[in-house]
Amino acid sequence: MDISNYSIQQIIKVGSGTIEIFVFLMMVLYLFFAFILIRKLRIMNLNLKTPYNKLFLLLARVHFVASFIVIILTFITIRR
């Protein structure tokens, strides 16, 4: 395979596509982290009673929804 047959634009297009896929996969992994965070907070709230239990769970859910919205917006942006 001779690299001189490819133009700079083709090489950049392949590279940027690879980066877009990598970023999207990392964001999906972050969404998984946000889900795990909700689960851990539920377990923590069962074992440790504080007046902030509901606030912590609410913030974790908002974090999960915000992560999901960012992933959707990223997917829409990548597909254009």
Protein backbone atom coordinates (compact mmCIF):
# COMPACT_ATOMS: atom_id res chain seq x y z
CA MET A 1 0.00 0.00 0.00
CA ASP A 2 1.54 3.24 -1.12
CA ILE A 3 0.59 6.23 1.00
CA SER A 4 1.40 8.70 -1.78
CA ASN A 5 -1.85 7.70 -3.53
CA TYR A 6 -3.90 9.27 -0.73
CA SER A 7 -4.48 12.98 -0.48
CA ILE A 8 -4.07 14.92 2.73
CA GLN A 9 -7.85 15.48 2.86
CA GLN A 10 -8.53 11.73 2.80
CA ILE A 11 -6.02 11.09 5.56
CA ILE A 12 -7.50 13.88 7.71
CA LYS A 13 -11.03 12.58 7.09
CA VAL A 14 -10.10 9.08 8.26
CA GLY A 15 -8.26 10.48 11.29
CA SER A 16 -11.11 12.76 12.32
CA GLY A 17 -13.61 9.92 11.91
CA THR A 18 -11.52 7.75 14.18
CA ILE A 19 -11.34 10.50 16.79
CA GLU A 20 -15.11 11.04 16.61
CA ILE A 21 -15.77 7.34 17.22
CA PHE A 22 -13.29 7.29 20.12
CA VAL A 23 -14.87 10.36 21.75
CA PHE A 24 -18.36 8.89 21.36
CA LEU A 25 -17.27 5.61 22.96
CA MET A 26 -15.66 7.46 25.86
CA MET A 27 -18.90 9.38 26.39
CA VAL A 28 -20.88 6.14 26.48
CA LEU A 29 -18.46 4.82 29.10
CA TYR A 30 -19.00 8.03 31.08
CA LEU A 31 -22.77 7.44 30.90
CA PHE A 32 -22.16 3.99 32.36
CA PHE A 33 -20.15 5.65 35.15
CA ALA A 34 -23.06 8.03 35.84
CA PHE A 35 -25.40 5.04 36.10
CA ILE A 36 -23.05 3.27 38.51
CA LEU A 37 -22.88 6.46 40.57
CA ILE A 38 -26.66 6.38 41.03
CA ARG A 39 -26.50 2.76 42.17
CA LYS A 40 -23.69 3.46 44.64
CA LEU A 41 -25.56 6.41 46.09
CA ARG A 42 -28.65 4.27 46.64
CA ILE A 43 -26.57 1.70 48.52
CA MET A 44 -24.85 4.44 50.50
CA ASN A 45 -28.20 5.95 51.44
CA LEU A 46 -29.36 2.59 52.80
CA ASN A 47 -26.32 2.32 55.07
CA LEU A 48 -25.72 5.94 56.02
CA LYS A 49 -28.64 8.13 57.01
CA THR A 50 -28.11 11.85 56.45
CA PRO A 51 -30.49 14.75 55.84
CA TYR A 52 -28.98 15.09 52.35
CA ASN A 53 -29.96 11.63 51.02
CA LYS A 54 -32.59 12.93 48.63
CA LEU A 55 -30.39 15.79 47.46
CA PHE A 56 -27.50 13.44 46.63
CA LEU A 57 -29.78 11.11 44.69
CA LEU A 58 -31.37 14.03 42.84
CA LEU A 59 -27.96 15.39 41.85
CA ALA A 60 -26.87 11.95 40.66
CA ARG A 61 -29.99 11.62 38.52
CA VAL A 62 -29.54 15.13 37.06
CA HIS A 63 -25.93 14.19 36.29
CA PHE A 64 -27.10 11.03 34.49
CA VAL A 65 -29.73 12.88 32.45
CA ALA A 66 -27.26 15.64 31.54
CA SER A 67 -24.73 13.03 30.42
CA PHE A 68 -27.38 11.34 28.29
CA ILE A 69 -28.39 14.66 26.69
CA VAL A 70 -24.75 15.47 25.88
CA ILE A 71 -24.32 12.07 24.23
CA ILE A 72 -27.44 12.59 22.10
CA LEU A 73 -26.25 16.05 21.04
CA THR A 74 -22.81 14.68 20.23
CA PHE A 75 -24.31 11.89 18.14
CA ILE A 76 -26.45 14.40 16.22
CA THR A 77 -23.42 16.62 15.64
CA ILE A 78 -21.23 13.73 14.45
CA ARG A 79 -23.85 12.51 11.98
CA ARG A 80 -23.99 15.88 10.16
